[in-house]
């Protein structure tokens, strides 16, 4: 069992739900922007090679932003799924409770400080 009290549990769950909604909105905006960039501009003469390169670079940046937003959304959804399993707040490596201060700073945290430190120092 994690060491979170009911208020902490509900506060962190609400923060993750808000983050999920914000990320969904951002992802929709990114995908709309990507679609807009793929549409030809009205009354556009043939584009120069420089214009084409700029468009490709812009599309790539928008695609990367959408990909990153999707990854963040996956992380938040994973954390939210742990609430229904009653495993939220437990380290996925050692099973020990993750401290409230860490969860308050990073509600999507999967590892306790000790395991996160081990992971980073081992280069995995």
PDB file of N, CA and C in Angstrom:
ATOM      1  N   UNK A   1       0.848  -1.189   0.000  1.00  0.00           N
ATOM      2  CA  UNK A   1       0.000   0.000   0.000  1.00  0.00           C
ATOM      3  C   UNK A   1       0.882   1.237   0.000  1.00  0.00           C
ATOM      4  N   UNK A   2       0.479   2.238  -0.788  1.00  0.00           N
ATOM      5  CA  UNK A   2       1.263   3.475  -0.789  1.00  0.00           C
ATOM      6  C   UNK A   2       0.966   4.256   0.490  1.00  0.00           C
ATOM      7  N   UNK A   3       1.750   5.242   0.733  1.00  0.00           N
ATOM      8  CA  UNK A   3       1.596   6.015   1.978  1.00  0.00           C
ATOM      9  C   UNK A   3       0.851   7.321   1.753  1.00  0.00           C
ATOM     10  N   UNK A   4       0.079   7.411   0.692  1.00  0.00           N
ATOM     11  CA  UNK A   4      -0.663   8.634   0.413  1.00  0.00           C
ATOM     12  C   UNK A   4      -1.972   8.630   1.185  1.00  0.00           C
ATOM     13  N   UNK A   5      -2.323   9.800   1.731  1.00  0.00           N
ATOM     14  CA  UNK A   5      -3.647   9.887   2.351  1.00  0.00           C
ATOM     15  C   UNK A   5      -4.675  10.198   1.258  1.00  0.00           C
ATOM     16  N   UNK A   6      -5.935  10.151   1.590  1.00  0.00           N
ATOM     17  CA  UNK A   6      -7.003  10.331   0.600  1.00  0.00           C
ATOM     18  C   UNK A   6      -6.903  11.677  -0.119  1.00  0.00           C
ATOM     19  N   UNK A   7      -6.597  12.726   0.611  1.00  0.00           N
ATOM     20  CA  UNK A   7      -6.502  14.059  -0.003  1.00  0.00           C
ATOM     21  C   UNK A   7      -5.354  14.099  -1.011  1.00  0.00           C
ATOM     22  N   UNK A   8      -4.213  13.569  -0.644  1.00  0.00           N
ATOM     23  CA  UNK A   8      -3.074  13.532  -1.560  1.00  0.00           C
ATOM     24  C   UNK A   8      -3.421  12.693  -2.794  1.00  0.00           C
ATOM     25  N   UNK A   9      -4.023  11.533  -2.560  1.00  0.00           N
ATOM     26  CA  UNK A   9      -4.420  10.619  -3.637  1.00  0.00           C
ATOM     27  C   UNK A   9      -5.315  11.350  -4.630  1.00  0.00           C
ATOM     28  N   UNK A  10      -6.364  12.021  -4.118  1.00  0.00           N
ATOM     29  CA  UNK A  10      -7.318  12.716  -4.996  1.00  0.00           C
ATOM     30  C   UNK A  10      -6.691  13.932  -5.677  1.00  0.00           C
ATOM     31  N   UNK A  11      -5.828  14.636  -4.968  1.00  0.00           N
ATOM     32  CA  UNK A  11      -5.161  15.800  -5.552  1.00  0.00           C
ATOM     33  C   UNK A  11      -4.286  15.388  -6.728  1.00  0.00           C
ATOM     34  N   UNK A  12      -3.510  14.337  -6.546  1.00  0.00           N
ATOM     35  CA  UNK A  12      -2.621  13.876  -7.612  1.00  0.00           C
ATOM     36  C   UNK A  12      -3.414  13.303  -8.782  1.00  0.00           C
ATOM     37  N   UNK A  13      -4.481  12.587  -8.493  1.00  0.00           N
ATOM     38  CA  UNK A  13      -5.320  12.055  -9.561  1.00  0.00           C
ATOM     39  C   UNK A  13      -5.938  13.192 -10.373  1.00  0.00           C
ATOM     40  N   UNK A  14      -6.427  14.223  -9.689  1.00  0.00           N
ATOM     41  CA  UNK A  14      -7.021  15.374 -10.389  1.00  0.00           C
ATOM     42  C   UNK A  14      -5.974  16.086 -11.248  1.00  0.00           C
ATOM     43  N   UNK A  15      -4.758  16.226 -10.740  1.00  0.00           N
ATOM     44  CA  UNK A  15      -3.694  16.861 -11.530  1.00  0.00           C
ATOM     45  C   UNK A  15      -3.394  16.063 -12.784  1.00  0.00           C
ATOM     46  N   UNK A  16      -3.339  14.748 -12.659  1.00  0.00           N
ATOM     47  CA  UNK A  16      -3.077  13.900 -13.824  1.00  0.00           C
ATOM     48  C   UNK A  16      -4.239  13.956 -14.815  1.00  0.00           C
ATOM     49  N   UNK A  17      -5.461  14.011 -14.327  1.00  0.00           N
ATOM     50  CA  UNK A  17      -6.613  14.116 -15.233  1.00  0.00           C
ATOM     51  C   UNK A  17      -6.592  15.440 -15.989  1.00  0.00           C
ATOM     52  N   UNK A  18      -6.224  16.525 -15.297  1.00  0.00           N
ATOM     53  CA  UNK A  18      -6.101  17.825 -15.976  1.00  0.00           C
ATOM     54  C   UNK A  18      -4.972  17.792 -17.001  1.00  0.00           C
ATOM     55  N   UNK A  19      -3.868  17.169 -16.650  1.00  0.00           N
ATOM     56  CA  UNK A  19      -2.743  17.053 -17.584  1.00  0.00           C
ATOM     57  C   UNK A  19      -3.157  16.244 -18.807  1.00  0.00           C
ATOM     58  N   UNK A  20      -3.910  15.180 -18.604  1.00  0.00           N
ATOM     59  CA  UNK A  20      -4.382  14.358 -19.717  1.00  0.00           C
ATOM     60  C   UNK A  20      -5.264  15.174 -20.650  1.00  0.00           C
ATOM     61  N   UNK A  21      -6.188  15.931 -20.093  1.00  0.00           N
ATOM     62  CA  UNK A  21      -7.074  16.763 -20.916  1.00  0.00           C
ATOM     63  C   UNK A  21      -6.281  17.814 -21.689  1.00  0.00           C
ATOM     64  N   UNK A  22      -5.309  18.436 -21.039  1.00  0.00           N
ATOM     65  CA  UNK A  22      -4.488  19.450 -21.702  1.00  0.00           C
ATOM     66  C   UNK A  22      -3.660  18.829 -22.821  1.00  0.00           C
ATOM     67  N   UNK A  23      -3.106  17.651 -22.580  1.00  0.00           N
ATOM     68  CA  UNK A  23      -2.306  16.989 -23.603  1.00  0.00           C
ATOM     69  C   UNK A  23      -3.171  16.541 -24.782  1.00  0.00           C
ATOM     70  N   UNK A  24      -4.372  16.073 -24.514  1.00  0.00           N
ATOM     71  CA  UNK A  24      -5.291  15.709 -25.599  1.00  0.00           C
ATOM     72  C   UNK A  24      -5.610  16.917 -26.462  1.00  0.00           C
ATOM     73  N   UNK A  25      -5.850  18.047 -25.815  1.00  0.00           N
ATOM     74  CA  UNK A  25      -6.124  19.283 -26.542  1.00  0.00           C
ATOM     75  C   UNK A  25      -4.914  19.708 -27.375  1.00  0.00           C
ATOM     76  N   UNK A  26      -3.735  19.615 -26.778  1.00  0.00           N
ATOM     77  CA  UNK A  26      -2.505  19.974 -27.488  1.00  0.00           C
ATOM     78  C   UNK A  26      -2.278  19.050 -28.674  1.00  0.00           C
ATOM     79  N   UNK A  27      -2.539  17.761 -28.488  1.00  0.00           N
ATOM     80  CA  UNK A  27      -2.361  16.799 -29.570  1.00  0.00           C
ATOM     81  C   UNK A  27      -3.318  17.104 -30.719  1.00  0.00           C
ATOM     82  N   UNK A  28      -4.555  17.439 -30.385  1.00  0.00           N
ATOM     83  CA  UNK A  28      -5.521  17.808 -31.426  1.00  0.00           C
ATOM     84  C   UNK A  28      -5.040  19.045 -32.183  1.00  0.00           C
ATOM     85  N   UNK A  29      -4.529  20.033 -31.452  1.00  0.00           N
ATOM     86  CA  UNK A  29      -3.997  21.242 -32.107  1.00  0.00           C
ATOM     87  C   UNK A  29      -2.816  20.897 -33.010  1.00  0.00           C
ATOM     88  N   UNK A  30      -1.916  20.044 -32.516  1.00  0.00           N
ATOM     89  CA  UNK A  30      -0.752  19.647 -33.317  1.00  0.00           C
ATOM     90  C   UNK A  30      -1.197  18.943 -34.594  1.00  0.00           C
ATOM     91  N   UNK A  31      -2.170  18.048 -34.482  1.00  0.00           N
ATOM     92  CA  UNK A  31      -2.646  17.316 -35.652  1.00  0.00           C
ATOM     93  C   UNK A  31      -3.371  18.241 -36.630  1.00  0.00           C
ATOM     94  N   UNK A  32      -4.136  19.215 -36.110  1.00  0.00           N
ATOM     95  CA  UNK A  32      -4.778  20.206 -36.979  1.00  0.00           C
ATOM     96  C   UNK A  32      -3.731  21.028 -37.721  1.00  0.00           C
ATOM     97  N   UNK A  33      -2.692  21.430 -37.008  1.00  0.00           N
ATOM     98  CA  UNK A  33      -1.621  22.221 -37.610  1.00  0.00           C
ATOM     99  C   UNK A  33      -0.924  21.405 -38.695  1.00  0.00           C
ATOM    100  N   UNK A  34      -0.699  20.121 -38.415  1.00  0.00           N
ATOM    101  CA  UNK A  34      -0.063  19.242 -39.391  1.00  0.00           C
ATOM    102  C   UNK A  34      -0.929  19.124 -40.642  1.00  0.00           C
ATOM    103  N   UNK A  35      -2.227  18.984 -40.455  1.00  0.00           N
ATOM    104  CA  UNK A  35      -3.154  18.891 -41.592  1.00  0.00           C
ATOM    105  C   UNK A  35      -3.149  20.194 -42.383  1.00  0.00           C
ATOM    106  N   UNK A  36      -3.167  21.322 -41.676  1.00  0.00           N
ATOM    107  CA  UNK A  36      -3.148  22.628 -42.350  1.00  0.00           C
ATOM    108  C   UNK A  36      -1.886  22.800 -43.187  1.00  0.00           C
ATOM    109  N   UNK A  37      -0.769  22.336 -42.679  1.00  0.00           N
ATOM    110  CA  UNK A  37       0.494  22.490 -43.402  1.00  0.00           C
ATOM    111  C   UNK A  37       0.546  21.634 -44.662  1.00  0.00           C
ATOM    112  N   UNK A  38      -0.249  20.610 -44.702  1.00  0.00           N
ATOM    113  CA  UNK A  38      -0.257  19.725 -45.873  1.00  0.00           C
ATOM    114  C   UNK A  38      -1.179  20.246 -46.984  1.00  0.00           C
ATOM    115  N   UNK A  39      -2.016  21.223 -46.653  1.00  0.00           N
ATOM    116  CA  UNK A  39      -2.922  21.786 -47.647  1.00  0.00           C
ATOM    117  C   UNK A  39      -2.187  22.826 -48.489  1.00  0.00           C
ATOM    118  N   UNK A  40      -2.370  22.804 -49.804  1.00  0.00           N
ATOM    119  CA  UNK A  40      -1.720  23.834 -50.631  1.00  0.00           C
ATOM    120  C   UNK A  40      -2.353  25.202 -50.348  1.00  0.00           C
ATOM    121  N   UNK A  41      -1.533  26.206 -50.410  1.00  0.00           N
ATOM    122  CA  UNK A  41      -2.030  27.560 -50.205  1.00  0.00           C
ATOM    123  C   UNK A  41      -2.827  27.996 -51.436  1.00  0.00           C
ATOM    124  N   UNK A  42      -3.934  28.706 -51.226  1.00  0.00           N
ATOM    125  CA  UNK A  42      -4.713  29.155 -52.377  1.00  0.00           C
ATOM    126  C   UNK A  42      -3.915  30.147 -53.215  1.00  0.00           C
ATOM    127  N   UNK A  43      -4.073  30.058 -54.522  1.00  0.00           N
ATOM    128  CA  UNK A  43      -3.428  30.987 -55.456  1.00  0.00           C
ATOM    129  C   UNK A  43      -1.918  30.991 -55.304  1.00  0.00           C
ATOM    130  N   UNK A  44      -1.374  29.856 -54.951  1.00  0.00           N
ATOM    131  CA  UNK A  44       0.067  29.774 -54.753  1.00  0.00           C
ATOM    132  C   UNK A  44       0.738  29.428 -56.076  1.00  0.00           C
ATOM    133  N   UNK A  45       1.684  30.248 -56.436  1.00  0.00           N
ATOM    134  CA  UNK A  45       2.501  29.928 -57.604  1.00  0.00           C
ATOM    135  C   UNK A  45       3.419  28.780 -57.210  1.00  0.00           C
ATOM    136  N   UNK A  46       4.086  28.219 -58.177  1.00  0.00           N
ATOM    137  CA  UNK A  46       4.991  27.128 -57.855  1.00  0.00           C
ATOM    138  C   UNK A  46       6.013  27.611 -56.829  1.00  0.00           C
ATOM    139  N   UNK A  47       6.172  26.819 -55.758  1.00  0.00           N
ATOM    140  CA  UNK A  47       7.058  27.203 -54.663  1.00  0.00           C
ATOM    141  C   UNK A  47       8.513  26.995 -55.062  1.00  0.00           C
ATOM    142  N   UNK A  48       9.354  27.832 -54.505  1.00  0.00           N
ATOM    143  CA  UNK A  48      10.791  27.704 -54.747  1.00  0.00           C
ATOM    144  C   UNK A  48      11.338  26.538 -53.927  1.00  0.00           C
ATOM    145  N   UNK A  49      12.507  26.038 -54.271  1.00  0.00           N
ATOM    146  CA  UNK A  49      13.122  24.973 -53.477  1.00  0.00           C
ATOM    147  C   UNK A  49      13.318  25.385 -52.009  1.00  0.00           C
ATOM    148  N   UNK A  50      13.638  26.638 -51.776  1.00  0.00           N
ATOM    149  CA  UNK A  50      13.807  27.117 -50.396  1.00  0.00           C
ATOM    150  C   UNK A  50      12.486  27.084 -49.650  1.00  0.00           C
ATOM    151  N   UNK A  51      11.390  27.503 -50.326  1.00  0.00           N
ATOM    152  CA  UNK A  51      10.069  27.451 -49.698  1.00  0.00           C
ATOM    153  C   UNK A  51       9.673  26.006 -49.388  1.00  0.00           C
ATOM    154  N   UNK A  52       9.949  25.116 -50.333  1.00  0.00           N
ATOM    155  CA  UNK A  52       9.633  23.701 -50.116  1.00  0.00           C
ATOM    156  C   UNK A  52      10.421  23.141 -48.926  1.00  0.00           C
ATOM    157  N   UNK A  53      11.682  23.503 -48.820  1.00  0.00           N
ATOM    158  CA  UNK A  53      12.514  23.039 -47.708  1.00  0.00           C
ATOM    159  C   UNK A  53      11.983  23.588 -46.387  1.00  0.00           C
ATOM    160  N   UNK A  54      11.581  24.841 -46.395  1.00  0.00           N
ATOM    161  CA  UNK A  54      11.020  25.439 -45.179  1.00  0.00           C
ATOM    162  C   UNK A  54       9.731  24.731 -44.761  1.00  0.00           C
ATOM    163  N   UNK A  55       8.886  24.414 -45.728  1.00  0.00           N
ATOM    164  CA  UNK A  55       7.633  23.706 -45.444  1.00  0.00           C
ATOM    165  C   UNK A  55       7.916  22.325 -44.867  1.00  0.00           C
ATOM    166  N   UNK A  56       8.892  21.619 -45.447  1.00  0.00           N
ATOM    167  CA  UNK A  56       9.239  20.292 -44.935  1.00  0.00           C
ATOM    168  C   UNK A  56       9.770  20.381 -43.507  1.00  0.00           C
ATOM    169  N   UNK A  57      10.605  21.377 -43.254  1.00  0.00           N
ATOM    170  CA  UNK A  57      11.154  21.552 -41.909  1.00  0.00           C
ATOM    171  C   UNK A  57      10.048  21.879 -40.908  1.00  0.00           C
ATOM    172  N   UNK A  58       9.121  22.726 -41.314  1.00  0.00           N
ATOM    173  CA  UNK A  58       8.001  23.082 -40.437  1.00  0.00           C
ATOM    174  C   UNK A  58       7.116  21.867 -40.173  1.00  0.00           C
ATOM    175  N   UNK A  59       6.822  21.092 -41.213  1.00  0.00           N
ATOM    176  CA  UNK A  59       6.011  19.876 -41.033  1.00  0.00           C
ATOM    177  C   UNK A  59       6.720  18.892 -40.103  1.00  0.00           C
ATOM    178  N   UNK A  60       8.024  18.753 -40.263  1.00  0.00           N
ATOM    179  CA  UNK A  60       8.788  17.846 -39.406  1.00  0.00           C
ATOM    180  C   UNK A  60       8.742  18.304 -37.948  1.00  0.00           C
ATOM    181  N   UNK A  61       8.852  19.610 -37.725  1.00  0.00           N
ATOM    182  CA  UNK A  61       8.798  20.143 -36.362  1.00  0.00           C
ATOM    183  C   UNK A  61       7.418  19.919 -35.741  1.00  0.00           C
ATOM    184  N   UNK A  62       6.373  20.145 -36.516  1.00  0.00           N
ATOM    185  CA  UNK A  62       5.012  19.938 -36.015  1.00  0.00           C
ATOM    186  C   UNK A  62       4.790  18.453 -35.729  1.00  0.00           C
ATOM    187  N   UNK A  63       5.289  17.586 -36.614  1.00  0.00           N
ATOM    188  CA  UNK A  63       5.157  16.147 -36.405  1.00  0.00           C
ATOM    189  C   UNK A  63       5.892  15.711 -35.135  1.00  0.00           C
ATOM    190  N   UNK A  64       7.096  16.233 -34.931  1.00  0.00           N
ATOM    191  CA  UNK A  64       7.867  15.903 -33.733  1.00  0.00           C
ATOM    192  C   UNK A  64       7.150  16.381 -32.477  1.00  0.00           C
ATOM    193  N   UNK A  65       6.559  17.575 -32.534  1.00  0.00           N
ATOM    194  CA  UNK A  65       5.804  18.085 -31.382  1.00  0.00           C
ATOM    195  C   UNK A  65       4.622  17.167 -31.070  1.00  0.00           C
ATOM    196  N   UNK A  66       3.905  16.731 -32.103  1.00  0.00           N
ATOM    197  CA  UNK A  66       2.771  15.829 -31.896  1.00  0.00           C
ATOM    198  C   UNK A  66       3.240  14.492 -31.329  1.00  0.00           C
ATOM    199  N   UNK A  67       4.371  13.996 -31.798  1.00  0.00           N
ATOM    200  CA  UNK A  67       4.919  12.737 -31.298  1.00  0.00           C
ATOM    201  C   UNK A  67       5.278  12.861 -29.824  1.00  0.00           C
ATOM    202  N   UNK A  68       5.925  13.955 -29.460  1.00  0.00           N
ATOM    203  CA  UNK A  68       6.307  14.185 -28.068  1.00  0.00           C
ATOM    204  C   UNK A  68       5.074  14.327 -27.183  1.00  0.00           C
ATOM    205  N   UNK A  69       4.072  15.048 -27.658  1.00  0.00           N
ATOM    206  CA  UNK A  69       2.832  15.196 -26.898  1.00  0.00           C
ATOM    207  C   UNK A  69       2.177  13.832 -26.705  1.00  0.00           C
ATOM    208  N   UNK A  70       2.179  13.012 -27.735  1.00  0.00           N
ATOM    209  CA  UNK A  70       1.622  11.666 -27.632  1.00  0.00           C
ATOM    210  C   UNK A  70       2.350  10.816 -26.603  1.00  0.00           C
ATOM    211  N   UNK A  71       3.665  10.939 -26.566  1.00  0.00           N
ATOM    212  CA  UNK A  71       4.456  10.198 -25.564  1.00  0.00           C
ATOM    213  C   UNK A  71       4.097  10.658 -24.149  1.00  0.00           C
ATOM    214  N   UNK A  72       4.008  11.964 -23.971  1.00  0.00           N
ATOM    215  CA  UNK A  72       3.644  12.491 -22.655  1.00  0.00           C
ATOM    216  C   UNK A  72       2.255  12.017 -22.247  1.00  0.00           C
ATOM    217  N   UNK A  73       1.335  11.997 -23.201  1.00  0.00           N
ATOM    218  CA  UNK A  73      -0.019  11.527 -22.921  1.00  0.00           C
ATOM    219  C   UNK A  73      -0.002  10.057 -22.502  1.00  0.00           C
ATOM    220  N   UNK A  74       0.808   9.241 -23.150  1.00  0.00           N
ATOM    221  CA  UNK A  74       0.933   7.833 -22.767  1.00  0.00           C
ATOM    222  C   UNK A  74       1.419   7.687 -21.325  1.00  0.00           C
ATOM    223  N   UNK A  75       2.394   8.502 -20.934  1.00  0.00           N
ATOM    224  CA  UNK A  75       2.934   8.449 -19.578  1.00  0.00           C
ATOM    225  C   UNK A  75       1.855   8.828 -18.563  1.00  0.00           C
ATOM    226  N   UNK A  76       1.109   9.877 -18.859  1.00  0.00           N
ATOM    227  CA  UNK A  76       0.053  10.329 -17.946  1.00  0.00           C
ATOM    228  C   UNK A  76      -1.056   9.276 -17.866  1.00  0.00           C
ATOM    229  N   UNK A  77      -1.434   8.717 -18.998  1.00  0.00           N
ATOM    230  CA  UNK A  77      -2.472   7.674 -18.995  1.00  0.00           C
ATOM    231  C   UNK A  77      -2.017   6.445 -18.210  1.00  0.00           C
ATOM    232  N   UNK A  78      -0.741   6.105 -18.323  1.00  0.00           N
ATOM    233  CA  UNK A  78      -0.204   4.982 -17.551  1.00  0.00           C
ATOM    234  C   UNK A  78      -0.377   5.259 -16.057  1.00  0.00           C
ATOM    235  N   UNK A  79      -0.007   6.460 -15.644  1.00  0.00           N
ATOM    236  CA  UNK A  79      -0.140   6.826 -14.229  1.00  0.00           C
ATOM    237  C   UNK A  79      -1.608   6.789 -13.799  1.00  0.00           C
ATOM    238  N   UNK A  80      -2.495   7.299 -14.624  1.00  0.00           N
ATOM    239  CA  UNK A  80      -3.920   7.277 -14.282  1.00  0.00           C
ATOM    240  C   UNK A  80      -4.440   5.843 -14.174  1.00  0.00           C
ATOM    241  N   UNK A  81      -3.951   4.953 -15.019  1.00  0.00           N
ATOM    242  CA  UNK A  81      -4.366   3.559 -14.955  1.00  0.00           C
ATOM    243  C   UNK A  81      -3.985   2.893 -13.644  1.00  0.00           C
ATOM    244  N   UNK A  82      -2.930   3.368 -13.034  1.00  0.00           N
ATOM    245  CA  UNK A  82      -2.483   2.784 -11.775  1.00  0.00           C
ATOM    246  C   UNK A  82      -3.443   3.113 -10.625  1.00  0.00           C
ATOM    247  N   UNK A  83      -4.241   4.167 -10.765  1.00  0.00           N
ATOM    248  CA  UNK A  83      -5.216   4.490  -9.722  1.00  0.00           C
ATOM    249  C   UNK A  83      -6.263   3.382  -9.626  1.00  0.00           C
ATOM    250  N   UNK A  84      -6.747   2.917 -10.773  1.00  0.00           N
ATOM    251  CA  UNK A  84      -7.769   1.872 -10.755  1.00  0.00           C
ATOM    252  C   UNK A  84      -7.211   0.542 -10.259  1.00  0.00           C
ATOM    253  N   UNK A  85      -5.920   0.344 -10.406  1.00  0.00           N
ATOM    254  CA  UNK A  85      -5.275  -0.887  -9.930  1.00  0.00           C
ATOM    255  C   UNK A  85      -4.811  -0.761  -8.475  1.00  0.00           C
ATOM    256  N   UNK A  86      -5.027   0.402  -7.896  1.00  0.00           N
ATOM    257  CA  UNK A  86      -4.586   0.682  -6.527  1.00  0.00           C
ATOM    258  C   UNK A  86      -3.072   0.574  -6.378  1.00  0.00           C
ATOM    259  N   UNK A  87      -2.352   0.786  -7.464  1.00  0.00           N
ATOM    260  CA  UNK A  87      -0.892   0.695  -7.406  1.00  0.00           C
ATOM    261  C   UNK A  87      -0.217   2.049  -7.623  1.00  0.00           C
ATOM    262  N   UNK A  88      -1.030   3.099  -7.727  1.00  0.00           N
ATOM    263  CA  UNK A  88      -0.436   4.426  -7.903  1.00  0.00           C
ATOM    264  C   UNK A  88       0.396   4.767  -6.669  1.00  0.00           C
ATOM    265  N   UNK A  89       1.559   5.333  -6.909  1.00  0.00           N
ATOM    266  CA  UNK A  89       2.431   5.749  -5.815  1.00  0.00           C
ATOM    267  C   UNK A  89       3.409   4.681  -5.374  1.00  0.00           C
ATOM    268  N   UNK A  90       3.393   3.522  -6.056  1.00  0.00           N
ATOM    269  CA  UNK A  90       4.348   2.463  -5.749  1.00  0.00           C
ATOM    270  C   UNK A  90       5.382   2.383  -6.866  1.00  0.00           C
ATOM    271  N   UNK A  91       6.634   2.228  -6.484  1.00  0.00           N
ATOM    272  CA  UNK A  91       7.726   2.134  -7.444  1.00  0.00           C
ATOM    273  C   UNK A  91       7.546   0.891  -8.310  1.00  0.00           C
ATOM    274  N   UNK A  92       7.698   1.058  -9.610  1.00  0.00           N
ATOM    275  CA  UNK A  92       7.543  -0.059 -10.536  1.00  0.00           C
ATOM    276  C   UNK A  92       8.744  -0.998 -10.533  1.00  0.00           C
ATOM    277  N   UNK A  93       9.825  -0.590  -9.911  1.00  0.00           N
ATOM    278  CA  UNK A  93      11.007  -1.454  -9.864  1.00  0.00           C
ATOM    279  C   UNK A  93      11.081  -2.220  -8.552  1.00  0.00           C
ATOM    280  N   UNK A  94      10.975  -1.528  -7.425  1.00  0.00           N
ATOM    281  CA  UNK A  94      11.165  -2.191  -6.130  1.00  0.00           C
ATOM    282  C   UNK A  94       9.859  -2.408  -5.363  1.00  0.00           C
ATOM    283  N   UNK A  95       8.784  -1.733  -5.772  1.00  0.00           N
ATOM    284  CA  UNK A  95       7.493  -1.901  -5.111  1.00  0.00           C
ATOM    285  C   UNK A  95       7.298  -1.063  -3.868  1.00  0.00           C
ATOM    286  N   UNK A  96       8.316  -0.313  -3.501  1.00  0.00           N
ATOM    287  CA  UNK A  96       8.206   0.544  -2.316  1.00  0.00           C
ATOM    288  C   UNK A  96       7.412   1.813  -2.661  1.00  0.00           C
ATOM    289  N   UNK A  97       6.827   2.456  -1.641  1.00  0.00           N
ATOM    290  CA  UNK A  97       6.097   3.702  -1.906  1.00  0.00           C
ATOM    291  C   UNK A  97       7.024   4.799  -2.432  1.00  0.00           C
ATOM    292  N   UNK A  98       6.506   5.553  -3.380  1.00  0.00           N
ATOM    293  CA  UNK A  98       7.201   6.745  -3.884  1.00  0.00           C
ATOM    294  C   UNK A  98       6.781   7.881  -2.973  1.00  0.00           C
ATOM    295  N   UNK A  99       7.710   8.659  -2.506  1.00  0.00           N
ATOM    296  CA  UNK A  99       7.401   9.739  -1.578  1.00  0.00           C
ATOM    297  C   UNK A  99       6.452  10.780  -2.171  1.00  0.00           C
ATOM    298  N   UNK A 100       5.628  11.357  -1.308  1.00  0.00           N
ATOM    299  CA  UNK A 100       4.665  12.358  -1.762  1.00  0.00           C
ATOM    300  C   UNK A 100       5.364  13.558  -2.385  1.00  0.00           C
ATOM    301  N   UNK A 101       6.503  13.955  -1.847  1.00  0.00           N
ATOM    302  CA  UNK A 101       7.191  15.130  -2.406  1.00  0.00           C
ATOM    303  C   UNK A 101       7.587  14.865  -3.862  1.00  0.00           C
ATOM    304  N   UNK A 102       8.024  13.645  -4.161  1.00  0.00           N
ATOM    305  CA  UNK A 102       8.370  13.303  -5.548  1.00  0.00           C
ATOM    306  C   UNK A 102       7.119  13.278  -6.413  1.00  0.00           C
ATOM    307  N   UNK A 103       6.065  12.655  -5.935  1.00  0.00           N
ATOM    308  CA  UNK A 103       4.826  12.589  -6.707  1.00  0.00           C
ATOM    309  C   UNK A 103       4.215  13.976  -6.886  1.00  0.00           C
ATOM    310  N   UNK A 104       4.360  14.821  -5.895  1.00  0.00           N
ATOM    311  CA  UNK A 104       3.837  16.175  -6.015  1.00  0.00           C
ATOM    312  C   UNK A 104       4.591  16.938  -7.104  1.00  0.00           C
ATOM    313  N   UNK A 105       5.899  16.696  -7.198  1.00  0.00           N
ATOM    314  CA  UNK A 105       6.712  17.351  -8.232  1.00  0.00           C
ATOM    315  C   UNK A 105       6.489  16.705  -9.592  1.00  0.00           C
ATOM    316  N   UNK A 106       6.340  15.379  -9.624  1.00  0.00           N
ATOM    317  CA  UNK A 106       6.168  14.616 -10.871  1.00  0.00           C
ATOM    318  C   UNK A 106       5.093  13.559 -10.645  1.00  0.00           C
ATOM    319  N   UNK A 107       3.823  13.929 -10.767  1.00  0.00           N
ATOM    320  CA  UNK A 107       2.760  12.967 -10.471  1.00  0.00           C
ATOM    321  C   UNK A 107       2.794  11.715 -11.346  1.00  0.00           C
ATOM    322  N   UNK A 108       3.484  11.789 -12.463  1.00  0.00           N
ATOM    323  CA  UNK A 108       3.570  10.632 -13.358  1.00  0.00           C
ATOM    324  C   UNK A 108       4.769   9.737 -13.046  1.00  0.00           C
ATOM    325  N   UNK A 109       5.509  10.039 -11.981  1.00  0.00           N
ATOM    326  CA  UNK A 109       6.720   9.278 -11.639  1.00  0.00           C
ATOM    327  C   UNK A 109       6.400   7.794 -11.491  1.00  0.00           C
ATOM    328  N   UNK A 110       7.274   6.966 -12.094  1.00  0.00           N
ATOM    329  CA  UNK A 110       7.105   5.511 -12.032  1.00  0.00           C
ATOM    330  C   UNK A 110       8.037   4.872 -11.016  1.00  0.00           C
ATOM    331  N   UNK A 111       9.101   5.586 -10.670  1.00  0.00           N
ATOM    332  CA  UNK A 111      10.128   5.026  -9.800  1.00  0.00           C
ATOM    333  C   UNK A 111      10.351   5.903  -8.576  1.00  0.00           C
ATOM    334  N   UNK A 112      10.736   5.271  -7.473  1.00  0.00           N
ATOM    335  CA  UNK A 112      11.138   6.032  -6.291  1.00  0.00           C
ATOM    336  C   UNK A 112      12.485   6.701  -6.589  1.00  0.00           C
ATOM    337  N   UNK A 113      12.885   7.590  -5.732  1.00  0.00           N
ATOM    338  CA  UNK A 113      14.149   8.315  -5.930  1.00  0.00           C
ATOM    339  C   UNK A 113      15.325   7.339  -6.026  1.00  0.00           C
ATOM    340  N   UNK A 114      15.381   6.343  -5.149  1.00  0.00           N
ATOM    341  CA  UNK A 114      16.512   5.409  -5.156  1.00  0.00           C
ATOM    342  C   UNK A 114      16.597   4.653  -6.478  1.00  0.00           C
ATOM    343  N   UNK A 115      15.466   4.171  -6.976  1.00  0.00           N
ATOM    344  CA  UNK A 115      15.482   3.415  -8.234  1.00  0.00           C
ATOM    345  C   UNK A 115      15.734   4.324  -9.433  1.00  0.00           C
ATOM    346  N   UNK A 116      15.208   5.538  -9.394  1.00  0.00           N
ATOM    347  CA  UNK A 116      15.458   6.489 -10.473  1.00  0.00           C
ATOM    348  C   UNK A 116      16.946   6.834 -10.517  1.00  0.00           C
ATOM    349  N   UNK A 117      17.540   7.049  -9.361  1.00  0.00           N
ATOM    350  CA  UNK A 117      18.966   7.346  -9.278  1.00  0.00           C
ATOM    351  C   UNK A 117      19.782   6.183  -9.816  1.00  0.00           C
ATOM    352  N   UNK A 118      19.417   4.957  -9.424  1.00  0.00           N
ATOM    353  CA  UNK A 118      20.095   3.757  -9.916  1.00  0.00           C
ATOM    354  C   UNK A 118      19.989   3.683 -11.439  1.00  0.00           C
ATOM    355  N   UNK A 119      18.792   3.910 -11.965  1.00  0.00           N
ATOM    356  CA  UNK A 119      18.565   3.841 -13.407  1.00  0.00           C
ATOM    357  C   UNK A 119      19.444   4.849 -14.155  1.00  0.00           C
ATOM    358  N   UNK A 120      19.480   6.070 -13.642  1.00  0.00           N
ATOM    359  CA  UNK A 120      20.268   7.119 -14.302  1.00  0.00           C
ATOM    360  C   UNK A 120      21.764   6.846 -14.190  1.00  0.00           C
ATOM    361  N   UNK A 121      22.199   6.329 -13.067  1.00  0.00           N
ATOM    362  CA  UNK A 121      23.634   6.079 -12.902  1.00  0.00           C
ATOM    363  C   UNK A 121      24.096   4.839 -13.665  1.00  0.00           C
ATOM    364  N   UNK A 122      23.178   3.916 -13.931  1.00  0.00           N
ATOM    365  CA  UNK A 122      23.556   2.705 -14.665  1.00  0.00           C
ATOM    366  C   UNK A 122      23.506   2.908 -16.174  1.00  0.00           C
ATOM    367  N   UNK A 123      22.984   4.062 -16.596  1.00  0.00           N
ATOM    368  CA  UNK A 123      22.948   4.389 -18.014  1.00  0.00           C
ATOM    369  C   UNK A 123      21.900   3.622 -18.807  1.00  0.00           C
ATOM    370  N   UNK A 124      20.893   3.135 -18.154  1.00  0.00           N
ATOM    371  CA  UNK A 124      19.837   2.370 -18.849  1.00  0.00           C
ATOM    372  C   UNK A 124      18.736   3.247 -19.315  1.00  0.00           C
TER     373      UNK A 124
END
